[in-house]
C-alpha cells in the first residue's frame, strides 16, 4: 500500500512538472498569436497581412533557434502595451513594430 502511494505521488509530481514546462513553452505561442492578430487588425487597409504573419513567423524561429525566447516574450509584451493605446496603425508604425520585435536586434532606447 505504501509503495503504491509513493508511486502515485511521483507520477502526479512528474505530470505536474511536465504540465508547467509545457505551459511555459506554450505561453510564447499564445502571446505571439494575440499580438500578431492585433497588428493585423490595426494595420492600415492594403498592408500585407502575409507580410505581418511572415515577420512573426521569422521572429519566432529566430527566438527559438538562438534561445532568446525570453527576449522575444518581453518584446511581445511591450508591443501589446503599445497596441492597447492605438485604434489603428500607419504603415510606418507597423514596419517599426515588426522591426522592434526582432529578438536578434538590439533594443532601441
Protein backbone atom coordinates (compact mmCIF):
# COMPACT_ATOMS: atom_id res chain seq x y z
CA UNK A 1 0.00 0.00 0.00
CA UNK A 2 2.75 2.46 0.93
CA UNK A 3 4.68 1.70 -2.26
CA UNK A 4 1.60 2.46 -4.39
CA UNK A 5 1.15 5.79 -2.66
CA UNK A 6 4.76 6.75 -3.33
CA UNK A 7 4.49 5.69 -6.99
CA UNK A 8 1.24 7.64 -7.39
CA UNK A 9 2.78 10.72 -5.77
CA UNK A 10 5.83 10.54 -8.04
CA UNK A 11 3.59 10.18 -11.11
CA UNK A 12 1.45 13.15 -10.10
CA UNK A 13 4.55 15.23 -9.37
CA UNK A 14 6.09 14.25 -12.71
CA UNK A 15 2.90 15.14 -14.55
CA UNK A 16 2.75 18.49 -12.76
CA UNK A 17 6.33 19.33 -13.71
CA UNK A 18 5.65 18.32 -17.32
CA UNK A 19 2.49 20.44 -17.38
CA UNK A 20 4.28 23.52 -16.03
CA UNK A 21 7.11 23.07 -18.54
CA UNK A 22 4.63 22.64 -21.40
CA UNK A 23 2.64 25.72 -20.44
CA UNK A 24 5.79 27.81 -20.20
CA UNK A 25 6.63 26.87 -23.81
CA UNK A 26 3.05 27.43 -24.98
CA UNK A 27 2.92 30.87 -23.35
CA UNK A 28 5.15 32.34 -26.07
CA UNK A 29 2.98 30.90 -28.85
CA UNK A 30 -0.20 32.18 -27.21
CA UNK A 31 1.06 35.72 -26.62
CA UNK A 32 2.54 35.90 -30.12
CA UNK A 33 -0.80 34.86 -31.59
CA UNK A 34 -2.64 37.58 -29.68
CA UNK A 35 -0.16 40.32 -30.65
CA UNK A 36 0.00 39.12 -34.26
CA UNK A 37 -3.78 39.26 -34.63
CA UNK A 38 -3.89 42.71 -33.03
CA UNK A 39 -1.30 44.01 -35.51
CA UNK A 40 -3.23 42.52 -38.43
CA UNK A 41 -6.46 44.15 -37.22
CA UNK A 42 -4.90 47.56 -36.58
CA UNK A 43 -2.75 47.68 -39.72
CA UNK A 44 -3.94 50.05 -42.44
CA UNK A 45 -6.04 48.58 -45.22
CA UNK A 46 -3.81 47.47 -48.02
CA UNK A 47 -0.97 46.49 -45.70
CA UNK A 48 0.00 42.91 -46.44
CA UNK A 49 -1.35 40.50 -43.84
CA UNK A 50 1.02 37.90 -45.27
CA UNK A 51 3.97 40.20 -44.59
CA UNK A 52 2.90 40.64 -40.96
CA UNK A 53 2.37 36.93 -40.37
CA UNK A 54 5.67 36.07 -42.08
CA UNK A 55 7.55 38.55 -39.88
CA UNK A 56 6.08 37.00 -36.73
CA UNK A 57 6.92 33.52 -38.00
CA UNK A 58 10.53 34.54 -38.69
CA UNK A 59 10.92 36.29 -35.33
CA UNK A 60 9.60 33.21 -33.52
CA UNK A 61 12.03 30.97 -35.42
CA UNK A 62 14.95 33.30 -34.62
CA UNK A 63 13.99 33.47 -30.95
CA UNK A 64 13.68 29.70 -30.72
CA UNK A 65 16.87 28.86 -32.59
CA UNK A 66 19.02 31.40 -30.73
CA UNK A 67 17.49 30.66 -27.31
CA UNK A 68 16.15 34.19 -26.99
CA UNK A 69 12.60 33.23 -26.13
CA UNK A 70 12.55 35.47 -23.04
CA UNK A 71 13.78 38.48 -25.01
CA UNK A 72 11.13 37.86 -27.65
CA UNK A 73 8.44 37.40 -25.00
CA UNK A 74 9.40 40.72 -23.39
CA UNK A 75 9.21 42.46 -26.76
CA UNK A 76 5.82 40.92 -27.48
CA UNK A 77 4.53 42.19 -24.14
CA UNK A 78 5.91 45.68 -24.87
CA UNK A 79 4.25 45.61 -28.29
CA UNK A 80 0.98 44.55 -26.69
CA UNK A 81 1.09 47.56 -24.37
CA UNK A 82 1.77 49.86 -27.33
CA UNK A 83 -1.11 48.33 -29.28
CA UNK A 84 -3.56 48.88 -26.42
CA UNK A 85 -3.12 52.63 -26.81
CA UNK A 86 -3.99 52.92 -30.51
CA UNK A 87 -7.02 52.17 -32.66
CA UNK A 88 -5.17 51.97 -35.98
CA UNK A 89 -1.58 51.93 -37.11
CA UNK A 90 0.11 53.70 -40.00
CA UNK A 91 2.21 51.56 -42.34
CA UNK A 92 5.38 53.08 -40.91
CA UNK A 93 4.25 52.17 -37.38
CA UNK A 94 3.62 48.57 -38.42
CA UNK A 95 7.06 48.43 -40.04
CA UNK A 96 8.70 49.83 -36.89
CA UNK A 97 6.78 47.50 -34.59
CA UNK A 98 7.78 44.45 -36.64
CA UNK A 99 11.39 45.61 -36.65
CA UNK A 100 11.35 46.17 -32.87
CA UNK A 101 10.09 42.62 -32.29
CA UNK A 102 13.15 41.02 -33.88
CA UNK A 103 14.84 39.14 -31.00
CA UNK A 104 18.24 39.25 -32.70
CA UNK A 105 18.35 43.06 -32.87
CA UNK A 106 19.46 45.33 -30.06
CA UNK A 107 16.62 47.07 -28.29
CA UNK A 108 16.19 50.74 -29.15
CA UNK A 109 16.38 53.11 -26.19
